[in-house]
C-alpha atoms as a PDB file:
ATOM      1  CA  GLU A   1      -0.062  -0.103  -0.039  1.00  0.00           C
ATOM      2  CA  ILE A   2       2.545   2.752   0.979  1.00  0.00           C
ATOM      3  CA  SER A   3       4.359   1.356  -2.913  1.00  0.00           C
ATOM      4  CA  ARG A   4       0.667   2.673  -3.841  1.00  0.00           C
ATOM      5  CA  LEU A   5       1.044   5.671  -2.052  1.00  0.00           C
ATOM      6  CA  ARG A   6       4.025   6.536  -3.553  1.00  0.00           C
ATOM      7  CA  ALA A   7       3.412   6.161  -6.953  1.00  0.00           C
ATOM      8  CA  GLU A   8      -0.116   8.056  -6.155  1.00  0.00           C
ATOM      9  CA  ASN A   9       1.965  10.559  -4.494  1.00  0.00           C
ATOM     10  CA  THR A  10       4.267  11.021  -7.238  1.00  0.00           C
ATOM     11  CA  ALA A  11       1.962  10.874  -9.832  1.00  0.00           C
ATOM     12  CA  GLN A  12       0.477  14.376  -8.270  1.00  0.00           C
ATOM     13  CA  LYS A  13       3.498  16.181  -7.575  1.00  0.00           C
ATOM     14  CA  LEU A  14       4.106  15.615 -11.609  1.00  0.00           C
ATOM     15  CA  GLU A  15       0.650  17.031 -12.214  1.00  0.00           C
ATOM     16  CA  ILE A  16       0.924  19.716  -9.566  1.00  0.00           C
ATOM     17  CA  GLU A  17       3.892  20.643 -11.967  1.00  0.00           C
ATOM     18  CA  SER A  18       2.077  20.665 -14.789  1.00  0.00           C
ATOM     19  CA  LEU A  19      -0.658  22.760 -13.463  1.00  0.00           C
ATOM     20  CA  THR A  20       2.466  25.046 -12.107  1.00  0.00           C
ATOM     21  CA  ALA A  21       3.319  25.433 -15.494  1.00  0.00           C
ATOM     22  CA  THR A  22       0.103  25.939 -17.146  1.00  0.00           C
ATOM     23  CA  ILE A  23      -0.309  28.927 -14.785  1.00  0.00           C
ATOM     24  CA  ARG A  24       2.774  30.340 -15.724  1.00  0.00           C
ATOM     25  CA  ASN A  25       1.986  30.422 -19.201  1.00  0.00           C
ATOM     26  CA  LEU A  26      -1.296  31.375 -19.168  1.00  0.00           C
ATOM     27  CA  SER A  27      -0.099  33.934 -16.988  1.00  0.00           C
ATOM     28  CA  VAL A  28       2.524  35.349 -19.630  1.00  0.00           C
ATOM     29  CA  GLU A  29      -0.149  34.902 -22.709  1.00  0.00           C
ATOM     30  CA  LYS A  30      -1.955  37.277 -20.456  1.00  0.00           C
ATOM     31  CA  THR A  31       0.095  39.670 -19.686  1.00  0.00           C
ATOM     32  CA  HIS A  32       0.871  39.910 -23.434  1.00  0.00           C
ATOM     33  CA  SER A  33      -2.435  39.938 -24.634  1.00  0.00           C
ATOM     34  CA  VAL A  34      -2.357  43.464 -21.828  1.00  0.00           C
ATOM     35  CA  LEU A  35       0.416  44.507 -23.374  1.00  0.00           C
ATOM     36  CA  VAL A  36      -0.781  44.211 -26.901  1.00  0.00           C
ATOM     37  CA  PRO A  37      -3.338  46.996 -26.261  1.00  0.00           C
ATOM     38  CA  VAL A  38      -1.432  48.936 -24.541  1.00  0.00           C
ATOM     39  CA  GLU A  39       1.097  49.388 -27.300  1.00  0.00           C
ATOM     40  CA  GLU A  40      -1.779  49.585 -29.661  1.00  0.00           C
ATOM     41  CA  TYR A  41      -2.972  52.291 -27.498  1.00  0.00           C
ATOM     42  CA  GLU A  42       0.207  54.045 -27.310  1.00  0.00           C
ATOM     43  CA  SER A  43       0.321  53.941 -30.764  1.00  0.00           C
ATOM     44  CA  MET A  44      -2.721  56.073 -31.534  1.00  0.00           C
ATOM     45  CA  LEU A  45      -2.402  58.161 -28.609  1.00  0.00           C
ATOM     46  CA  LYS A  46       0.837  59.070 -30.821  1.00  0.00           C
ATOM     47  CA  GLN A  47      -1.285  59.436 -33.770  1.00  0.00           C
ATOM     48  CA  VAL A  48      -4.160  61.417 -32.843  1.00  0.00           C
ATOM     49  CA  SER A  49      -0.676  63.923 -30.823  1.00  0.00           C
ATOM     50  CA  ASP A  50       0.210  63.799 -35.319  1.00  0.00           C
ATOM     51  CA  ILE A  51      -3.252  64.806 -36.403  1.00  0.00           C
ATOM     52  CA  VAL A  52      -4.251  67.488 -33.913  1.00  0.00           C
ATOM     53  CA  PRO A  53      -1.462  69.889 -35.737  1.00  0.00           C
ATOM     54  CA  MET A  54      -2.374  69.070 -38.733  1.00  0.00           C
ATOM     55  CA  GLN A  55      -6.315  69.809 -37.947  1.00  0.00           C
ATOM     56  CA  GLU A  56      -5.200  73.228 -36.437  1.00  0.00           C
ATOM     57  CA  SER A  57      -2.923  73.955 -39.751  1.00  0.00           C
ATOM     58  CA  LEU A  58      -6.157  72.745 -42.186  1.00  0.00           C
ATOM     59  CA  TYR A  59      -8.579  75.458 -40.181  1.00  0.00           C
ATOM     60  CA  GLU A  60      -6.112  77.739 -40.782  1.00  0.00           C
ATOM     61  CA  SER A  61      -5.905  77.900 -44.647  1.00  0.00           C
ATOM     62  CA  GLU A  62      -9.417  77.195 -44.328  1.00  0.00           C
ATOM     63  CA  ARG A  63     -10.224  80.324 -42.682  1.00  0.00           C
ATOM     64  CA  ARG A  64      -7.322  82.285 -44.786  1.00  0.00           C
ATOM     65  CA  ARG A  65      -8.918  80.928 -48.268  1.00  0.00           C
ATOM     66  CA  ARG A  66     -12.048  82.217 -47.356  1.00  0.00           C
ATOM     67  CA  GLU A  67     -11.046  85.673 -46.289  1.00  0.00           C
ATOM     68  CA  LEU A  68      -8.937  85.473 -49.453  1.00  0.00           C
ATOM     69  CA  HIS A  69     -11.868  84.372 -51.347  1.00  0.00           C
ATOM     70  CA  ASN A  70     -13.951  87.162 -49.732  1.00  0.00           C
ATOM     71  CA  LYS A  71     -11.453  90.282 -50.629  1.00  0.00           C
ATOM     72  CA  LEU A  72     -11.828  88.759 -54.349  1.00  0.00           C
ATOM     73  CA  GLN A  73     -15.784  89.065 -54.108  1.00  0.00           C
ATOM     74  CA  GLU A  74     -15.171  92.359 -52.891  1.00  0.00           C
ATOM     75  CA  VAL A  75     -12.935  93.612 -55.477  1.00  0.00           C
ATOM     76  CA  ARG A  76     -14.803  91.966 -58.208  1.00  0.00           C
ATOM     77  CA  GLY A  77     -18.244  93.511 -56.853  1.00  0.00           C
ATOM     78  CA  ASN A  78     -16.509  96.956 -56.903  1.00  0.00           C
ATOM     79  CA  ILE A  79     -16.389  96.952 -60.135  1.00  0.00           C
ATOM     80  CA  ARG A  80     -19.300  98.667 -62.066  1.00  0.00           C
ATOM     81  CA  ILE A  81     -20.201  98.688 -66.145  1.00  0.00           C
ATOM     82  CA  PHE A  82     -21.774 102.126 -66.800  1.00  0.00           C
ATOM     83  CA  VAL A  83     -22.217 102.367 -70.338  1.00  0.00           C
ATOM     84  CA  ARG A  84     -22.844  99.064 -72.606  1.00  0.00           C
ATOM     85  CA  CYS A  85     -22.460 100.071 -76.312  1.00  0.00           C
ATOM     86  CA  ARG A  86     -21.278  98.623 -79.738  1.00  0.00           C
ATOM     87  CA  PRO A  87     -18.844  99.487 -81.898  1.00  0.00           C
ATOM     88  CA  PHE A  88     -19.965 101.409 -85.035  1.00  0.00           C
ATOM     89  CA  LEU A  89     -21.039  99.357 -87.910  1.00  0.00           C
ATOM     90  CA  GLU A  90     -20.374 100.666 -91.615  1.00  0.00           C
ATOM     91  CA  SER A  91     -24.241  99.449 -92.038  1.00  0.00           C
ATOM     92  CA  ASP A  92     -25.155 102.692 -89.647  1.00  0.00           C
ATOM     93  CA  ALA A  93     -23.516 104.775 -91.702  1.00  0.00           C
ATOM     94  CA  GLU A  94     -25.458 103.349 -94.494  1.00  0.00           C
ATOM     95  CA  ASN A  95     -28.729 103.696 -92.999  1.00  0.00           C
ATOM     96  CA  SER A  96     -28.946 106.704 -91.046  1.00  0.00           C
ATOM     97  CA  ILE A  97     -28.229 110.400 -91.610  1.00  0.00           C
ATOM     98  CA  ASP A  98     -24.849 111.495 -93.759  1.00  0.00           C
ATOM     99  CA  SER A  99     -23.221 113.796 -90.770  1.00  0.00           C
ATOM    100  CA  MET A 100     -23.601 110.811 -88.291  1.00  0.00           C
ATOM    101  CA  GLN A 101     -20.279 109.721 -86.807  1.00  0.00           C
ATOM    102  CA  PRO A 102     -19.088 107.434 -84.852  1.00  0.00           C
ATOM    103  CA  CYS A 103     -18.870 109.002 -81.131  1.00  0.00           C
ATOM    104  CA  LEU A 104     -17.045 106.193 -79.421  1.00  0.00           C
ATOM    105  CA  SER A 105     -13.790 105.220 -80.642  1.00  0.00           C
ATOM    106  CA  PHE A 106     -12.082 102.229 -79.586  1.00  0.00           C
ATOM    107  CA  TYR A 107      -7.815 102.184 -78.687  1.00  0.00           C
ATOM    108  CA  LYS A 108      -6.166  98.927 -79.709  1.00  0.00           C
ATOM    109  CA  ASP A 109      -5.382  97.983 -76.187  1.00  0.00           C
ATOM    110  CA  ASP A 110      -8.770  96.551 -76.051  1.00  0.00           C
ATOM    111  CA  THR A 111      -9.038  98.656 -72.460  1.00  0.00           C
ATOM    112  CA  SER A 112      -9.937 102.132 -73.079  1.00  0.00           C
ATOM    113  CA  ILE A 113     -12.749 104.099 -75.705  1.00  0.00           C
ATOM    114  CA  SER A 114     -12.495 107.943 -76.537  1.00  0.00           C
ATOM    115  CA  LEU A 115     -16.356 109.471 -76.373  1.00  0.00           C
ATOM    116  CA  SER A 116     -16.756 112.275 -78.731  1.00  0.00           C
ATOM    117  CA  SER A 117     -19.703 114.296 -78.770  1.00  0.00           C
ATOM    118  CA  THR A 118     -19.941 114.796 -82.546  1.00  0.00           C
ATOM    119  CA  ALA A 119     -22.338 112.334 -83.341  1.00  0.00           C
ATOM    120  CA  LEU A 120     -25.734 114.021 -83.858  1.00  0.00           C
ATOM    121  CA  THR A 121     -25.267 118.025 -84.422  1.00  0.00           C
END
C-alpha cells in the first residue's frame, strides 16, 4: 500500500508541476495580451497627437482661403458697368443720316475708349 501511495504522490507532484507550468504560461499570455492593447493604445495616441496640429493647420488654411475669397469677391463687386455700347458699324452709316459719325473710338489695347459728342449735330 505504501508503494501505491508513493506512486499516487509522484503522479500528483507531476500534475502539480504541470498545472504550475500551465498557470505560468497563462500568466505570460495574459500579460502579453494586455501589453499588446497598451502598445496599440500608445500608437493611437501618438497618431492622434500628430493629427491635432494638422487639423489646426487645415482650419487656419481654410480661414485664410475664405478671407482671400471674400476679398476677391469684394474687388470683383466694386467693378461697375456704367455704359454698354457696341462699335460703330459701316451699315449704321448707310442706314442713317449722312452726317452721323461714330461717337466712340476703341483703342488697340481693348481696354480704353474715347467718347466724342459730335455724333449728332
